[in-house]
């Protein structure tokens, strides 16, 4: 039996082994990519909780999957009929896995090597942006949200981040006196924990916000929370923000190309 790509199961099994190890554990042409995954059937166990919050029919819609890894969510968007799906990641190993999974599944998905900080280079906005499992790996997480809002989000944002600390969310005043400091110690005040060394043997785990901080950052970046289908997952709608007196929120230095042109 062959897949839409014309590959046999034996050929798929060999390629899955060659491209491993995989972080996304799912079936590619009937072959499980990471059967010994420490999180089990991941990311499907998370997907089945959040899938009902998304439109079942994405016909005619465009989707950007930021930090796409092996492409699990990109594939699911095509299964829902999305007209255009673009997945970006900075890890070439993950991109190779994603391209292979899409090929075997018979889906036309564009996968590109691109950082979240450079999403402006895409030059287009998407009906749905998926930004899951990335924020806490970034040195500059709020900048990333600002750049997504400014450059690529047209409507919906599906967002997830690791959270640690209190699940409480306290009301926050519009302003506080310089001498009023008690609220900083409340468990439900927005807090972002900085990881100087390592967490869970991963040197790229830099931040762990509590729930209040996660929700505050989304609002601050211009994303209104529409649904909270899973403990760490939010479906948001992009809203326009008033221009701040100091100018645009997302300020990112220009880089020079080999030809000497500025890229922002």
C-alpha atoms as a PDB file:
ATOM      1  CA  UNK A   1       0.000   0.000   0.000  1.00  0.00           C
ATOM      2  CA  UNK A   2       1.309   3.422  -0.953  1.00  0.00           C
ATOM      3  CA  UNK A   3       0.660   6.950   0.367  1.00  0.00           C
ATOM      4  CA  UNK A   4      -0.480   9.951  -1.762  1.00  0.00           C
ATOM      5  CA  UNK A   5       3.239  10.589  -2.285  1.00  0.00           C
ATOM      6  CA  UNK A   6       3.702   7.138  -3.818  1.00  0.00           C
ATOM      7  CA  UNK A   7       5.904   5.946  -0.946  1.00  0.00           C
ATOM      8  CA  UNK A   8       5.376   2.519   0.584  1.00  0.00           C
ATOM      9  CA  UNK A   9       4.996   2.030   4.338  1.00  0.00           C
ATOM     10  CA  UNK A  10       8.508   0.607   4.490  1.00  0.00           C
ATOM     11  CA  UNK A  11       9.916   3.688   2.742  1.00  0.00           C
ATOM     12  CA  UNK A  12       8.000   5.995   5.101  1.00  0.00           C
ATOM     13  CA  UNK A  13       9.257   4.097   8.150  1.00  0.00           C
ATOM     14  CA  UNK A  14      12.836   4.440   6.923  1.00  0.00           C
ATOM     15  CA  UNK A  15      12.465   8.173   6.294  1.00  0.00           C
ATOM     16  CA  UNK A  16      10.820   8.768   9.680  1.00  0.00           C
ATOM     17  CA  UNK A  17      13.812   7.106  11.343  1.00  0.00           C
ATOM     18  CA  UNK A  18      16.237   9.116   9.208  1.00  0.00           C
ATOM     19  CA  UNK A  19      14.573  12.429  10.120  1.00  0.00           C
ATOM     20  CA  UNK A  20      14.277  11.641  13.846  1.00  0.00           C
ATOM     21  CA  UNK A  21      14.101  12.337  16.656  1.00  0.00           C
ATOM     22  CA  UNK A  22      10.649  13.939  16.386  1.00  0.00           C
ATOM     23  CA  UNK A  23       8.987  16.150  19.000  1.00  0.00           C
ATOM     24  CA  UNK A  24       5.563  15.974  17.344  1.00  0.00           C
ATOM     25  CA  UNK A  25       4.233  12.439  17.793  1.00  0.00           C
ATOM     26  CA  UNK A  26       1.668  11.748  15.071  1.00  0.00           C
ATOM     27  CA  UNK A  27       1.005   9.382  12.208  1.00  0.00           C
ATOM     28  CA  UNK A  28       2.648   9.989   8.840  1.00  0.00           C
ATOM     29  CA  UNK A  29       1.305   7.557   6.288  1.00  0.00           C
ATOM     30  CA  UNK A  30       0.276   5.220   9.097  1.00  0.00           C
ATOM     31  CA  UNK A  31       3.703   5.398  10.780  1.00  0.00           C
ATOM     32  CA  UNK A  32       3.977   6.851  14.285  1.00  0.00           C
ATOM     33  CA  UNK A  33       6.788   9.426  14.430  1.00  0.00           C
ATOM     34  CA  UNK A  34       7.616   9.320  18.164  1.00  0.00           C
ATOM     35  CA  UNK A  35       5.923   6.325  19.798  1.00  0.00           C
ATOM     36  CA  UNK A  36       8.057   6.673  22.951  1.00  0.00           C
ATOM     37  CA  UNK A  37       7.302  10.390  23.455  1.00  0.00           C
ATOM     38  CA  UNK A  38       7.586  11.440  27.113  1.00  0.00           C
ATOM     39  CA  UNK A  39       4.286  13.352  26.795  1.00  0.00           C
ATOM     40  CA  UNK A  40       2.518  10.418  25.161  1.00  0.00           C
ATOM     41  CA  UNK A  41       0.201  11.180  22.265  1.00  0.00           C
ATOM     42  CA  UNK A  42       1.424  14.763  21.939  1.00  0.00           C
ATOM     43  CA  UNK A  43       0.326  17.141  20.446  1.00  0.00           C
ATOM     44  CA  UNK A  44      -2.951  15.329  19.709  1.00  0.00           C
ATOM     45  CA  UNK A  45      -3.874  15.193  23.412  1.00  0.00           C
ATOM     46  CA  UNK A  46      -3.771  18.999  23.431  1.00  0.00           C
ATOM     47  CA  UNK A  47      -5.362  19.373  19.995  1.00  0.00           C
ATOM     48  CA  UNK A  48      -8.504  17.406  20.882  1.00  0.00           C
ATOM     49  CA  UNK A  49      -9.222  19.897  23.682  1.00  0.00           C
ATOM     50  CA  UNK A  50      -8.717  23.027  21.606  1.00  0.00           C
ATOM     51  CA  UNK A  51     -10.013  21.871  18.194  1.00  0.00           C
ATOM     52  CA  UNK A  52     -13.683  22.646  19.001  1.00  0.00           C
ATOM     53  CA  UNK A  53     -12.789  26.311  19.616  1.00  0.00           C
ATOM     54  CA  UNK A  54     -11.645  26.765  16.001  1.00  0.00           C
ATOM     55  CA  UNK A  55     -13.897  26.951  12.929  1.00  0.00           C
ATOM     56  CA  UNK A  56     -14.423  23.458  11.518  1.00  0.00           C
ATOM     57  CA  UNK A  57     -14.478  24.875   7.990  1.00  0.00           C
ATOM     58  CA  UNK A  58     -11.508  27.057   7.014  1.00  0.00           C
ATOM     59  CA  UNK A  59     -12.304  27.057   3.301  1.00  0.00           C
ATOM     60  CA  UNK A  60     -10.758  30.104   1.659  1.00  0.00           C
ATOM     61  CA  UNK A  61      -8.822  31.082   4.785  1.00  0.00           C
ATOM     62  CA  UNK A  62      -5.086  31.637   5.201  1.00  0.00           C
ATOM     63  CA  UNK A  63      -3.100  30.311   8.161  1.00  0.00           C
ATOM     64  CA  UNK A  64       0.370  31.084   9.485  1.00  0.00           C
ATOM     65  CA  UNK A  65       1.883  28.504  11.858  1.00  0.00           C
ATOM     66  CA  UNK A  66       4.748  30.157  13.788  1.00  0.00           C
ATOM     67  CA  UNK A  67       7.197  27.688  15.280  1.00  0.00           C
ATOM     68  CA  UNK A  68       5.555  24.933  13.259  1.00  0.00           C
ATOM     69  CA  UNK A  69       7.940  22.163  14.383  1.00  0.00           C
ATOM     70  CA  UNK A  70       7.040  19.003  12.411  1.00  0.00           C
ATOM     71  CA  UNK A  71       3.866  20.579  11.056  1.00  0.00           C
ATOM     72  CA  UNK A  72       1.128  18.868  13.090  1.00  0.00           C
ATOM     73  CA  UNK A  73      -1.051  21.995  13.336  1.00  0.00           C
ATOM     74  CA  UNK A  74      -0.327  23.017   9.737  1.00  0.00           C
ATOM     75  CA  UNK A  75      -1.612  19.633   8.570  1.00  0.00           C
ATOM     76  CA  UNK A  76      -4.738  19.970  10.713  1.00  0.00           C
ATOM     77  CA  UNK A  77      -5.485  23.359   9.149  1.00  0.00           C
ATOM     78  CA  UNK A  78      -5.318  21.854   5.659  1.00  0.00           C
ATOM     79  CA  UNK A  79      -7.643  19.065   6.793  1.00  0.00           C
ATOM     80  CA  UNK A  80     -10.120  21.815   7.686  1.00  0.00           C
ATOM     81  CA  UNK A  81      -9.892  23.198   4.182  1.00  0.00           C
ATOM     82  CA  UNK A  82      -7.567  26.194   4.592  1.00  0.00           C
ATOM     83  CA  UNK A  83      -6.664  27.585   1.192  1.00  0.00           C
ATOM     84  CA  UNK A  84      -3.157  28.678   2.133  1.00  0.00           C
ATOM     85  CA  UNK A  85      -1.013  27.443   5.014  1.00  0.00           C
ATOM     86  CA  UNK A  86       2.479  28.734   5.739  1.00  0.00           C
ATOM     87  CA  UNK A  87       4.624  27.199   8.472  1.00  0.00           C
ATOM     88  CA  UNK A  88       7.769  28.882   9.739  1.00  0.00           C
ATOM     89  CA  UNK A  89      10.491  27.642  12.064  1.00  0.00           C
ATOM     90  CA  UNK A  90      14.169  28.401  12.656  1.00  0.00           C
ATOM     91  CA  UNK A  91      15.135  24.727  13.007  1.00  0.00           C
ATOM     92  CA  UNK A  92      15.938  23.085   9.676  1.00  0.00           C
ATOM     93  CA  UNK A  93      15.490  19.606  11.175  1.00  0.00           C
ATOM     94  CA  UNK A  94      11.881  20.377  12.090  1.00  0.00           C
ATOM     95  CA  UNK A  95      11.239  21.934   8.680  1.00  0.00           C
ATOM     96  CA  UNK A  96      12.511  18.780   6.958  1.00  0.00           C
ATOM     97  CA  UNK A  97      10.132  16.708   9.083  1.00  0.00           C
ATOM     98  CA  UNK A  98       7.230  19.033   8.277  1.00  0.00           C
ATOM     99  CA  UNK A  99       7.891  18.978   4.537  1.00  0.00           C
ATOM    100  CA  UNK A 100       8.032  15.186   4.569  1.00  0.00           C
ATOM    101  CA  UNK A 101       4.802  14.882   6.586  1.00  0.00           C
ATOM    102  CA  UNK A 102       3.018  17.232   4.177  1.00  0.00           C
ATOM    103  CA  UNK A 103       4.349  15.343   1.152  1.00  0.00           C
ATOM    104  CA  UNK A 104       3.205  11.984   2.488  1.00  0.00           C
ATOM    105  CA  UNK A 105      -0.208  13.444   3.400  1.00  0.00           C
ATOM    106  CA  UNK A 106      -0.647  15.003  -0.034  1.00  0.00           C
ATOM    107  CA  UNK A 107      -0.994  18.575   1.269  1.00  0.00           C
ATOM    108  CA  UNK A 108       0.373  21.716  -0.379  1.00  0.00           C
ATOM    109  CA  UNK A 109       1.916  23.625   2.540  1.00  0.00           C
ATOM    110  CA  UNK A 110       4.711  26.179   2.339  1.00  0.00           C
ATOM    111  CA  UNK A 111       7.387  25.757   5.010  1.00  0.00           C
ATOM    112  CA  UNK A 112       9.994  28.477   5.443  1.00  0.00           C
ATOM    113  CA  UNK A 113      13.044  29.043   7.635  1.00  0.00           C
ATOM    114  CA  UNK A 114      12.128  32.270   9.408  1.00  0.00           C
ATOM    115  CA  UNK A 115      12.259  33.704  12.914  1.00  0.00           C
ATOM    116  CA  UNK A 116       9.178  35.169  14.583  1.00  0.00           C
ATOM    117  CA  UNK A 117      11.118  38.420  14.802  1.00  0.00           C
ATOM    118  CA  UNK A 118      11.238  38.541  10.987  1.00  0.00           C
ATOM    119  CA  UNK A 119       7.557  37.846  10.188  1.00  0.00           C
ATOM    120  CA  UNK A 120       7.343  41.256   8.524  1.00  0.00           C
ATOM    121  CA  UNK A 121       9.315  39.755   5.644  1.00  0.00           C
ATOM    122  CA  UNK A 122       6.270  37.645   4.732  1.00  0.00           C
ATOM    123  CA  UNK A 123       4.529  40.781   3.512  1.00  0.00           C
ATOM    124  CA  UNK A 124       0.999  39.504   4.145  1.00  0.00           C
ATOM    125  CA  UNK A 125      -1.610  39.074   6.865  1.00  0.00           C
ATOM    126  CA  UNK A 126      -3.322  35.798   7.715  1.00  0.00           C
ATOM    127  CA  UNK A 127      -6.864  34.993   8.832  1.00  0.00           C
ATOM    128  CA  UNK A 128      -5.486  32.716  11.560  1.00  0.00           C
ATOM    129  CA  UNK A 129      -2.064  32.822  13.200  1.00  0.00           C
ATOM    130  CA  UNK A 130      -0.973  29.855  15.320  1.00  0.00           C
ATOM    131  CA  UNK A 131       1.614  30.793  17.939  1.00  0.00           C
ATOM    132  CA  UNK A 132       1.861  27.810  20.237  1.00  0.00           C
ATOM    133  CA  UNK A 133       4.781  26.577  22.342  1.00  0.00           C
ATOM    134  CA  UNK A 134       7.093  29.407  21.296  1.00  0.00           C
ATOM    135  CA  UNK A 135       6.776  32.429  23.616  1.00  0.00           C
ATOM    136  CA  UNK A 136       8.710  30.983  26.557  1.00  0.00           C
ATOM    137  CA  UNK A 137      11.613  30.034  24.282  1.00  0.00           C
ATOM    138  CA  UNK A 138      12.158  33.667  23.213  1.00  0.00           C
ATOM    139  CA  UNK A 139      14.524  36.216  24.692  1.00  0.00           C
ATOM    140  CA  UNK A 140      12.075  38.980  23.738  1.00  0.00           C
ATOM    141  CA  UNK A 141       8.536  37.560  24.087  1.00  0.00           C
ATOM    142  CA  UNK A 142       6.472  40.757  24.154  1.00  0.00           C
ATOM    143  CA  UNK A 143       8.282  42.044  21.063  1.00  0.00           C
ATOM    144  CA  UNK A 144       7.245  38.855  19.276  1.00  0.00           C
ATOM    145  CA  UNK A 145       3.561  39.429  20.123  1.00  0.00           C
ATOM    146  CA  UNK A 146       3.815  43.056  19.005  1.00  0.00           C
ATOM    147  CA  UNK A 147       5.382  42.050  15.678  1.00  0.00           C
ATOM    148  CA  UNK A 148       2.689  39.411  15.076  1.00  0.00           C
ATOM    149  CA  UNK A 149      -0.026  41.989  15.722  1.00  0.00           C
ATOM    150  CA  UNK A 150       1.611  44.605  13.521  1.00  0.00           C
ATOM    151  CA  UNK A 151       2.655  42.433  10.585  1.00  0.00           C
ATOM    152  CA  UNK A 152       0.779  39.148  10.140  1.00  0.00           C
ATOM    153  CA  UNK A 153      -2.401  38.859  12.262  1.00  0.00           C
ATOM    154  CA  UNK A 154      -5.571  39.805  10.407  1.00  0.00           C
ATOM    155  CA  UNK A 155      -8.157  38.232  12.710  1.00  0.00           C
ATOM    156  CA  UNK A 156      -7.616  35.156  14.919  1.00  0.00           C
ATOM    157  CA  UNK A 157      -4.640  34.149  17.048  1.00  0.00           C
ATOM    158  CA  UNK A 158      -4.353  30.662  18.556  1.00  0.00           C
ATOM    159  CA  UNK A 159      -1.853  31.064  21.378  1.00  0.00           C
ATOM    160  CA  UNK A 160      -0.196  28.803  23.954  1.00  0.00           C
ATOM    161  CA  UNK A 161       2.607  29.214  26.415  1.00  0.00           C
ATOM    162  CA  UNK A 162       3.970  27.230  29.327  1.00  0.00           C
ATOM    163  CA  UNK A 163       2.647  28.775  32.547  1.00  0.00           C
ATOM    164  CA  UNK A 164       3.980  28.494  36.075  1.00  0.00           C
ATOM    165  CA  UNK A 165       2.885  30.079  39.326  1.00  0.00           C
ATOM    166  CA  UNK A 166      -0.585  31.065  40.484  1.00  0.00           C
ATOM    167  CA  UNK A 167      -3.690  30.427  38.376  1.00  0.00           C
ATOM    168  CA  UNK A 168      -5.402  33.392  40.078  1.00  0.00           C
ATOM    169  CA  UNK A 169      -6.100  36.558  38.088  1.00  0.00           C
ATOM    170  CA  UNK A 170      -6.502  39.656  40.246  1.00  0.00           C
ATOM    171  CA  UNK A 171      -8.024  42.914  39.002  1.00  0.00           C
ATOM    172  CA  UNK A 172      -5.347  45.506  38.264  1.00  0.00           C
ATOM    173  CA  UNK A 173      -5.788  49.254  38.619  1.00  0.00           C
ATOM    174  CA  UNK A 174      -5.020  51.620  35.753  1.00  0.00           C
ATOM    175  CA  UNK A 175      -2.219  53.188  37.789  1.00  0.00           C
ATOM    176  CA  UNK A 176      -0.531  52.945  41.179  1.00  0.00           C
ATOM    177  CA  UNK A 177       1.383  55.372  43.353  1.00  0.00           C
ATOM    178  CA  UNK A 178       5.164  54.978  43.336  1.00  0.00           C
ATOM    179  CA  UNK A 179       4.901  54.080  47.032  1.00  0.00           C
ATOM    180  CA  UNK A 180       2.183  51.455  46.539  1.00  0.00           C
ATOM    181  CA  UNK A 181       4.033  48.134  46.255  1.00  0.00           C
ATOM    182  CA  UNK A 182       1.792  45.579  47.976  1.00  0.00           C
ATOM    183  CA  UNK A 183       0.130  44.430  44.756  1.00  0.00           C
ATOM    184  CA  UNK A 184       3.438  43.149  43.344  1.00  0.00           C
ATOM    185  CA  UNK A 185       3.445  40.399  45.977  1.00  0.00           C
ATOM    186  CA  UNK A 186      -0.094  39.170  45.322  1.00  0.00           C
ATOM    187  CA  UNK A 187      -0.202  35.709  43.641  1.00  0.00           C
ATOM    188  CA  UNK A 188      -2.746  36.921  41.055  1.00  0.00           C
ATOM    189  CA  UNK A 189      -0.736  39.937  39.902  1.00  0.00           C
ATOM    190  CA  UNK A 190       0.863  39.486  36.434  1.00  0.00           C
ATOM    191  CA  UNK A 191       4.324  37.942  36.845  1.00  0.00           C
ATOM    192  CA  UNK A 192       6.896  36.605  34.411  1.00  0.00           C
ATOM    193  CA  UNK A 193       9.473  34.235  35.891  1.00  0.00           C
ATOM    194  CA  UNK A 194      12.911  34.509  34.276  1.00  0.00           C
ATOM    195  CA  UNK A 195      14.940  31.291  33.883  1.00  0.00           C
ATOM    196  CA  UNK A 196      18.601  32.251  33.954  1.00  0.00           C
ATOM    197  CA  UNK A 197      20.001  28.752  33.592  1.00  0.00           C
ATOM    198  CA  UNK A 198      17.891  25.738  32.594  1.00  0.00           C
ATOM    199  CA  UNK A 199      14.445  24.348  33.132  1.00  0.00           C
ATOM    200  CA  UNK A 200      13.543  20.764  32.186  1.00  0.00           C
ATOM    201  CA  UNK A 201      17.016  20.291  30.655  1.00  0.00           C
ATOM    202  CA  UNK A 202      16.181  22.868  27.984  1.00  0.00           C
ATOM    203  CA  UNK A 203      18.503  25.886  27.682  1.00  0.00           C
ATOM    204  CA  UNK A 204      15.920  27.699  25.525  1.00  0.00           C
ATOM    205  CA  UNK A 205      13.276  27.861  28.257  1.00  0.00           C
ATOM    206  CA  UNK A 206      13.729  31.527  29.197  1.00  0.00           C
ATOM    207  CA  UNK A 207      10.374  32.567  30.662  1.00  0.00           C
ATOM    208  CA  UNK A 208       7.427  31.138  32.596  1.00  0.00           C
ATOM    209  CA  UNK A 209       4.513  33.583  33.003  1.00  0.00           C
ATOM    210  CA  UNK A 210       1.656  33.028  35.392  1.00  0.00           C
ATOM    211  CA  UNK A 211      -1.880  33.066  34.023  1.00  0.00           C
ATOM    212  CA  UNK A 212      -2.451  36.728  34.860  1.00  0.00           C
ATOM    213  CA  UNK A 213       0.715  37.726  33.012  1.00  0.00           C
ATOM    214  CA  UNK A 214      -0.172  35.645  29.950  1.00  0.00           C
ATOM    215  CA  UNK A 215      -3.574  37.280  29.634  1.00  0.00           C
ATOM    216  CA  UNK A 216      -2.174  40.775  30.312  1.00  0.00           C
ATOM    217  CA  UNK A 217       0.500  40.384  27.632  1.00  0.00           C
ATOM    218  CA  UNK A 218      -2.071  39.295  25.062  1.00  0.00           C
ATOM    219  CA  UNK A 219      -4.283  42.303  25.831  1.00  0.00           C
ATOM    220  CA  UNK A 220      -1.302  44.662  25.799  1.00  0.00           C
ATOM    221  CA  UNK A 221      -0.279  43.428  22.347  1.00  0.00           C
ATOM    222  CA  UNK A 222      -3.778  43.953  20.925  1.00  0.00           C
ATOM    223  CA  UNK A 223      -5.342  40.506  21.230  1.00  0.00           C
ATOM    224  CA  UNK A 224      -8.762  40.186  22.834  1.00  0.00           C
ATOM    225  CA  UNK A 225      -9.319  36.796  24.454  1.00  0.00           C
ATOM    226  CA  UNK A 226     -12.357  35.120  22.862  1.00  0.00           C
ATOM    227  CA  UNK A 227     -12.011  31.596  24.268  1.00  0.00           C
ATOM    228  CA  UNK A 228      -9.875  29.681  26.750  1.00  0.00           C
ATOM    229  CA  UNK A 229     -10.315  26.060  25.623  1.00  0.00           C
ATOM    230  CA  UNK A 230      -7.375  24.609  27.551  1.00  0.00           C
ATOM    231  CA  UNK A 231      -5.403  25.682  30.611  1.00  0.00           C
ATOM    232  CA  UNK A 232      -2.543  27.220  28.622  1.00  0.00           C
ATOM    233  CA  UNK A 233      -4.334  27.900  25.329  1.00  0.00           C
ATOM    234  CA  UNK A 234      -6.205  31.018  24.214  1.00  0.00           C
ATOM    235  CA  UNK A 235      -8.124  31.858  21.061  1.00  0.00           C
ATOM    236  CA  UNK A 236      -7.907  35.597  20.510  1.00  0.00           C
ATOM    237  CA  UNK A 237      -9.187  38.226  18.121  1.00  0.00           C
ATOM    238  CA  UNK A 238      -6.950  40.980  16.863  1.00  0.00           C
ATOM    239  CA  UNK A 239      -8.139  44.457  17.826  1.00  0.00           C
ATOM    240  CA  UNK A 240      -6.793  47.843  16.845  1.00  0.00           C
ATOM    241  CA  UNK A 241      -4.811  49.624  19.531  1.00  0.00           C
ATOM    242  CA  UNK A 242      -4.664  53.391  19.877  1.00  0.00           C
ATOM    243  CA  UNK A 243      -1.319  54.831  18.888  1.00  0.00           C
ATOM    244  CA  UNK A 244       0.838  55.191  21.983  1.00  0.00           C
ATOM    245  CA  UNK A 245       2.251  58.694  22.575  1.00  0.00           C
ATOM    246  CA  UNK A 246       5.764  57.313  22.164  1.00  0.00           C
ATOM    247  CA  UNK A 247       4.953  55.745  18.768  1.00  0.00           C
ATOM    248  CA  UNK A 248       4.537  52.155  17.488  1.00  0.00           C
ATOM    249  CA  UNK A 249       4.811  49.408  20.105  1.00  0.00           C
ATOM    250  CA  UNK A 250       6.874  47.029  17.977  1.00  0.00           C
ATOM    251  CA  UNK A 251      10.281  48.573  17.387  1.00  0.00           C
ATOM    252  CA  UNK A 252      12.821  46.215  15.842  1.00  0.00           C
ATOM    253  CA  UNK A 253      16.200  47.291  14.465  1.00  0.00           C
ATOM    254  CA  UNK A 254      16.768  47.067  10.736  1.00  0.00           C
ATOM    255  CA  UNK A 255      19.214  44.493   9.385  1.00  0.00           C
ATOM    256  CA  UNK A 256      21.394  44.826   6.324  1.00  0.00           C
ATOM    257  CA  UNK A 257      21.105  42.337   3.491  1.00  0.00           C
ATOM    258  CA  UNK A 258      24.157  41.256   1.495  1.00  0.00           C
ATOM    259  CA  UNK A 259      23.117  43.830  -1.095  1.00  0.00           C
ATOM    260  CA  UNK A 260      23.167  46.567   1.546  1.00  0.00           C
ATOM    261  CA  UNK A 261      19.415  47.083   1.679  1.00  0.00           C
ATOM    262  CA  UNK A 262      17.669  47.578   4.997  1.00  0.00           C
ATOM    263  CA  UNK A 263      15.228  44.872   6.100  1.00  0.00           C
ATOM    264  CA  UNK A 264      12.876  45.699   8.950  1.00  0.00           C
END
